[in-house]
Amino acid sequence: MATEISRDTYLNLMDQYRPCYRADDYPTLDRALTRREYVEALTLAEQAGLRRLDHRMEHRRAWNQAGARDLTSA
C-alpha cells in the first residue's frame, strides 16, 4: 500500500478475525490471530512507512505489546 497507493493511505489493522463456517477446511485459517501476530502486523505497517494507522487502537496496541512479551508460543 505504501509504495503502490500512498504512505498517507488510511489503514485500520484489526485483530478481530475469528474462524467460522468452513475455516476448518483450511488449517492456516482455522485459528484466531495471536497477539504477537497482530503486533507484528502493526510493526510491519509502520516499517513500510504507513503513517495513518488507526489511532483509536493505540490503547489496544499497548495492551497487545505487553501481552506479546508474555506469550511463549506462536
Protein backbone atom coordinates (compact mmCIF):
# COMPACT_ATOMS: atom_id res chain seq x y z
CA MET A 1 0.00 0.00 0.00
CA ALA A 2 2.74 2.42 0.94
CA THR A 3 4.51 2.13 -2.41
CA GLU A 4 1.59 1.49 -4.76
CA ILE A 5 -1.02 3.83 -3.31
CA SER A 6 0.41 6.26 -0.75
CA ARG A 7 2.05 6.32 2.65
CA ASP A 8 -0.81 8.56 3.65
CA THR A 9 -3.40 5.86 2.95
CA TYR A 10 -5.60 5.35 6.00
CA LEU A 11 -5.10 1.88 7.45
CA ASN A 12 -7.14 0.13 10.10
CA LEU A 13 -5.47 -3.14 11.07
CA MET A 14 -7.94 -5.21 13.02
CA ASP A 15 -7.26 -8.17 15.28
CA GLN A 16 -10.83 -9.43 15.18
CA TYR A 17 -10.54 -12.42 12.84
CA ARG A 18 -12.36 -15.45 14.16
CA PRO A 19 -12.65 -18.65 12.10
CA CYS A 20 -16.13 -19.79 11.24
CA TYR A 21 -18.16 -21.71 8.67
CA ARG A 22 -15.70 -23.87 6.71
CA ALA A 23 -12.45 -22.42 8.02
CA ASP A 24 -11.60 -25.87 9.33
CA ASP A 25 -11.15 -26.88 5.67
CA TYR A 26 -8.13 -24.54 5.61
CA PRO A 27 -5.79 -25.21 8.55
CA THR A 28 -3.94 -21.91 8.17
CA LEU A 29 -7.25 -20.04 8.55
CA ASP A 30 -8.71 -22.23 11.30
CA ARG A 31 -7.46 -20.21 14.26
CA ALA A 32 -7.70 -16.73 15.70
CA LEU A 33 -4.89 -14.22 15.32
CA THR A 34 -2.36 -14.22 18.15
CA ARG A 35 -1.38 -11.03 19.94
CA ARG A 36 2.15 -11.48 18.63
CA GLU A 37 0.92 -11.65 15.02
CA TYR A 38 -1.16 -8.51 15.49
CA VAL A 39 1.74 -6.55 16.95
CA GLU A 40 3.95 -7.81 14.13
CA ALA A 41 1.42 -6.57 11.55
CA LEU A 42 1.35 -3.11 13.17
CA THR A 43 5.15 -3.01 13.25
CA LEU A 44 5.44 -4.04 9.60
CA ALA A 45 2.93 -1.36 8.58
CA GLU A 46 4.95 1.29 10.39
CA GLN A 47 8.22 0.00 8.93
CA ALA A 48 6.69 0.19 5.45
CA GLY A 49 6.14 3.89 6.10
CA LEU A 50 2.39 3.84 6.53
CA ARG A 51 1.63 6.90 8.62
CA ARG A 52 -2.13 6.90 9.00
CA LEU A 53 -2.74 3.95 11.25
CA ASP A 54 -6.00 3.96 13.16
CA HIS A 55 -5.12 5.72 16.42
CA ARG A 56 -8.29 4.56 18.13
CA MET A 57 -6.47 1.27 18.59
CA GLU A 58 -3.41 2.75 20.35
CA HIS A 59 -4.62 1.68 23.81
CA ARG A 60 -5.22 -1.80 22.47
CA ARG A 61 -1.82 -1.86 20.79
CA ALA A 62 -0.12 -1.11 24.10
CA TRP A 63 -2.07 -3.96 25.68
CA ASN A 64 -1.12 -6.27 22.83
CA GLN A 65 2.57 -5.36 23.02
CA ALA A 66 2.60 -6.05 26.74
CA GLY A 67 0.81 -9.35 26.17
CA ALA A 68 3.09 -10.34 23.29
CA ARG A 69 6.08 -10.28 25.63
CA ASP A 70 4.32 -12.84 27.81
CA LEU A 71 3.47 -15.29 25.03
CA THR A 72 5.52 -18.43 24.86
CA SER A 73 4.07 -19.81 21.62
CA ALA A 74 3.07 -18.61 18.15
